[in-house]
Amino acid sequence: MKKAIVWLVVLAVAGALGWMIYGRLNQTKAEKPKGGATPVVVTAVTRATVRDIQTFTGTLEPRQQFVVSPKTPGKLRR
């Protein structure tokens, strides 16, 4: 029993240490500036219509379905 507790503590400490190292590595990657100048195109401001049109494909499925059926068999004449 004591051995299992010791192993759980060791795994928890190793996990916490790994998480801290992972966070530091991601933080330093985000802070590094990308070298060189970025080319920019400058134009005059104009008024125009902005159209945001997108096409999607897929299948629509209802949340609920039900079947409509009569309680008595037969055909309706009128």
Protein backbone atom coordinates (compact mmCIF):
# COMPACT_ATOMS: atom_id res chain seq x y z
CA MET A 1 0.00 0.00 0.00
CA LYS A 2 2.79 2.43 0.88
CA LYS A 3 4.56 1.59 -2.38
CA ALA A 4 1.46 2.50 -4.39
CA ILE A 5 1.13 5.85 -2.60
CA VAL A 6 4.80 6.64 -3.23
CA TRP A 7 4.40 5.83 -6.94
CA LEU A 8 1.28 8.02 -7.18
CA VAL A 9 3.13 10.94 -5.57
CA VAL A 10 6.09 10.47 -7.93
CA LEU A 11 3.78 10.37 -10.97
CA ALA A 12 1.91 13.47 -9.79
CA VAL A 13 5.16 15.41 -9.31
CA ALA A 14 6.45 14.27 -12.71
CA GLY A 15 3.17 15.29 -14.36
CA ALA A 16 3.20 18.71 -12.73
CA LEU A 17 6.82 19.27 -13.74
CA GLY A 18 6.07 18.24 -17.32
CA TRP A 19 3.07 20.58 -17.45
CA MET A 20 5.19 23.50 -16.23
CA ILE A 21 7.90 22.81 -18.82
CA TYR A 22 5.27 22.54 -21.57
CA GLY A 23 3.77 25.89 -20.55
CA ARG A 24 7.15 27.62 -20.55
CA LEU A 25 8.04 26.25 -24.00
CA ASN A 26 4.76 27.46 -25.49
CA GLN A 27 5.15 30.85 -23.84
CA THR A 28 8.62 31.40 -25.31
CA LYS A 29 7.44 30.37 -28.80
CA ALA A 30 4.57 32.89 -28.66
CA GLU A 31 6.83 35.74 -27.49
CA LYS A 32 9.47 35.33 -30.20
CA PRO A 33 9.09 38.06 -32.84
CA LYS A 34 9.28 36.93 -36.43
CA GLY A 35 12.31 38.44 -38.08
CA GLY A 36 12.29 40.87 -40.97
CA ALA A 37 9.92 43.53 -42.18
CA THR A 38 6.44 42.67 -43.39
CA PRO A 39 5.52 44.07 -46.82
CA VAL A 40 2.39 46.26 -46.74
CA VAL A 41 0.23 47.59 -49.58
CA VAL A 42 -1.38 50.99 -48.92
CA THR A 43 -4.46 52.14 -50.85
CA ALA A 44 -7.00 54.94 -50.55
CA VAL A 45 -10.20 54.33 -48.58
CA THR A 46 -13.25 53.64 -50.77
CA ARG A 47 -16.90 52.84 -50.04
CA ALA A 48 -18.10 49.43 -51.22
CA THR A 49 -20.54 46.65 -50.37
CA VAL A 50 -19.09 43.76 -48.42
CA ARG A 51 -20.56 40.40 -49.32
CA ASP A 52 -19.79 37.43 -47.13
CA ILE A 53 -21.11 34.46 -49.08
CA GLN A 54 -20.15 30.92 -48.14
CA THR A 55 -21.24 27.55 -49.48
CA PHE A 56 -21.61 24.56 -47.17
CA THR A 57 -22.47 20.95 -47.81
CA GLY A 58 -23.99 18.54 -45.34
CA THR A 59 -27.10 16.81 -44.11
CA LEU A 60 -29.79 18.32 -41.92
CA GLU A 61 -31.29 16.01 -39.33
CA PRO A 62 -34.29 16.95 -37.13
CA ARG A 63 -34.10 16.79 -33.36
CA GLN A 64 -37.32 14.81 -33.17
CA GLN A 65 -39.30 12.63 -35.60
CA PHE A 66 -42.75 11.08 -35.46
CA VAL A 67 -44.93 8.93 -37.69
CA VAL A 68 -48.45 10.04 -38.59
CA SER A 69 -50.81 7.08 -39.03
CA PRO A 70 -54.58 6.57 -38.68
CA LYS A 71 -56.08 4.56 -35.83
CA THR A 72 -58.41 2.68 -38.21
CA PRO A 73 -57.40 1.11 -41.50
CA GLY A 74 -59.00 2.11 -44.79
CA LYS A 75 -59.12 4.91 -47.35
CA LEU A 76 -60.76 8.31 -47.07
CA ARG A 77 -63.27 8.91 -49.86
CA ARG A 78 -64.20 12.51 -49.04
